[in-house]
C-alpha atoms as a PDB file:
ATOM      1  CA  MET A   1     129.308  35.634  98.092  1.00  0.00           C
ATOM      2  CA  PHE A   2     130.369  36.274  94.385  1.00  0.00           C
ATOM      3  CA  PHE A   3     127.532  34.106  93.198  1.00  0.00           C
ATOM      4  CA  TRP A   4     124.748  35.891  95.129  1.00  0.00           C
ATOM      5  CA  LEU A   5     126.124  39.201  94.182  1.00  0.00           C
ATOM      6  CA  SER A   6     126.175  38.147  90.345  1.00  0.00           C
ATOM      7  CA  PHE A   7     122.879  36.509  90.893  1.00  0.00           C
ATOM      8  CA  PHE A   8     121.318  40.072  92.227  1.00  0.00           C
ATOM      9  CA  LEU A   9     122.921  42.198  89.583  1.00  0.00           C
ATOM     10  CA  LEU A  10     121.752  39.902  86.828  1.00  0.00           C
ATOM     11  CA  ALA A  11     118.051  39.984  88.470  1.00  0.00           C
ATOM     12  CA  ALA A  12     118.370  43.712  88.616  1.00  0.00           C
ATOM     13  CA  CYS A  13     119.502  43.968  84.972  1.00  0.00           C
ATOM     14  CA  GLN A  14     116.399  42.054  83.447  1.00  0.00           C
ATOM     15  CA  GLN A  15     114.217  43.709  80.762  1.00  0.00           C
ATOM     16  CA  HIS A  16     110.624  43.898  82.093  1.00  0.00           C
ATOM     17  CA  ASP A  17     107.659  44.063  79.855  1.00  0.00           C
ATOM     18  CA  ASP A  18     105.492  46.062  82.277  1.00  0.00           C
ATOM     19  CA  ASP A  19     104.072  49.243  80.888  1.00  0.00           C
ATOM     20  CA  GLY A  20     103.680  50.746  84.180  1.00  0.00           C
ATOM     21  CA  GLY A  21     100.057  50.335  84.545  1.00  0.00           C
ATOM     22  CA  HIS A  22      99.006  52.348  81.495  1.00  0.00           C
ATOM     23  CA  ASP A  23      95.813  50.890  79.981  1.00  0.00           C
ATOM     24  CA  GLY A  24      96.652  51.850  76.350  1.00  0.00           C
ATOM     25  CA  HIS A  25      93.508  53.988  75.963  1.00  0.00           C
ATOM     26  CA  ASP A  26      93.058  56.057  72.649  1.00  0.00           C
ATOM     27  CA  HIS A  27      94.206  59.518  72.810  1.00  0.00           C
ATOM     28  CA  GLY A  28      92.345  60.447  69.667  1.00  0.00           C
ATOM     29  CA  ALA A  29      89.729  62.838  71.308  1.00  0.00           C
ATOM     30  CA  HIS A  30      92.625  64.915  72.939  1.00  0.00           C
ATOM     31  CA  GLN A  31      94.253  65.373  69.467  1.00  0.00           C
ATOM     32  CA  HIS A  32      91.063  66.805  68.197  1.00  0.00           C
ATOM     33  CA  ALA A  33      91.159  69.291  70.787  1.00  0.00           C
ATOM     34  CA  ASN A  34      94.666  70.257  70.160  1.00  0.00           C
ATOM     35  CA  ASP A  35      94.170  70.415  66.402  1.00  0.00           C
ATOM     36  CA  HIS A  36      91.375  72.902  67.266  1.00  0.00           C
ATOM     37  CA  MET A  37      93.349  75.011  69.527  1.00  0.00           C
ATOM     38  CA  HIS A  38      96.470  75.375  67.134  1.00  0.00           C
ATOM     39  CA  GLN A  39      93.714  76.367  64.243  1.00  0.00           C
ATOM     40  CA  THR A  40      92.055  79.257  66.278  1.00  0.00           C
ATOM     41  CA  PRO A  41      93.893  82.722  66.616  1.00  0.00           C
ATOM     42  CA  PHE A  42      95.502  83.259  69.867  1.00  0.00           C
ATOM     43  CA  ASP A  43      93.234  86.490  70.322  1.00  0.00           C
ATOM     44  CA  SER A  44      90.018  84.549  69.885  1.00  0.00           C
ATOM     45  CA  LEU A  45      91.138  81.996  72.575  1.00  0.00           C
ATOM     46  CA  VAL A  46      92.059  84.762  74.958  1.00  0.00           C
ATOM     47  CA  GLU A  47      88.594  86.092  74.355  1.00  0.00           C
ATOM     48  CA  ARG A  48      86.898  82.729  75.057  1.00  0.00           C
ATOM     49  CA  PHE A  49      89.029  81.847  78.179  1.00  0.00           C
ATOM     50  CA  ASN A  50      88.697  85.234  79.638  1.00  0.00           C
ATOM     51  CA  ASN A  51      84.818  85.587  79.017  1.00  0.00           C
ATOM     52  CA  PRO A  52      83.031  86.014  82.307  1.00  0.00           C
ATOM     53  CA  GLU A  53      80.247  83.700  81.202  1.00  0.00           C
ATOM     54  CA  ARG A  54      82.733  80.748  81.266  1.00  0.00           C
ATOM     55  CA  ASP A  55      82.297  80.930  85.288  1.00  0.00           C
ATOM     56  CA  ALA A  56      78.646  79.840  84.763  1.00  0.00           C
ATOM     57  CA  TRP A  57      79.593  76.370  83.376  1.00  0.00           C
ATOM     58  CA  GLN A  58      83.099  76.024  85.151  1.00  0.00           C
ATOM     59  CA  LYS A  59      81.889  76.905  88.611  1.00  0.00           C
ATOM     60  CA  PRO A  60      85.362  77.818  89.991  1.00  0.00           C
ATOM     61  CA  ASP A  61      83.949  78.967  93.211  1.00  0.00           C
ATOM     62  CA  TRP A  62      82.017  75.774  93.853  1.00  0.00           C
ATOM     63  CA  VAL A  63      85.123  73.687  92.644  1.00  0.00           C
ATOM     64  CA  ILE A  64      87.326  75.517  95.161  1.00  0.00           C
ATOM     65  CA  GLY A  65      84.655  75.061  97.933  1.00  0.00           C
ATOM     66  CA  LEU A  66      84.632  71.339  97.325  1.00  0.00           C
ATOM     67  CA  MET A  67      88.536  71.335  98.184  1.00  0.00           C
ATOM     68  CA  GLY A  68      87.730  72.397 101.967  1.00  0.00           C
ATOM     69  CA  ASP A  69      89.923  74.465 104.131  1.00  0.00           C
ATOM     70  CA  LEU A  70      92.847  75.580 102.086  1.00  0.00           C
ATOM     71  CA  GLU A  71      94.537  77.510 104.975  1.00  0.00           C
ATOM     72  CA  GLY A  72      98.165  77.043 104.621  1.00  0.00           C
ATOM     73  CA  LYS A  73      97.917  74.755 101.573  1.00  0.00           C
ATOM     74  CA  THR A  74      99.007  75.414  97.799  1.00  0.00           C
ATOM     75  CA  VAL A  75      96.678  74.906  94.922  1.00  0.00           C
ATOM     76  CA  VAL A  76      98.052  74.564  91.515  1.00  0.00           C
ATOM     77  CA  ASP A  77      96.239  74.460  88.198  1.00  0.00           C
ATOM     78  CA  ILE A  78      97.952  71.869  86.111  1.00  0.00           C
ATOM     79  CA  GLY A  79      95.514  71.699  83.068  1.00  0.00           C
END
């Protein structure tokens, strides 16, 4: 029994080279957007994000409609 216990403990402690499925793609495009956001004054960003014309290309009502019946569900905007 000691043999099997030792075997399983050692097997569980092995180092794995698995990267969790990350495909290693480049995040360079994201960094460009982040640089732009950090160089733009806060008030300009607020004005741009609160602009009513933004709905014309983001189509929030259409996106919510694609989700179907949301009765009793919680929707979270993560991005």
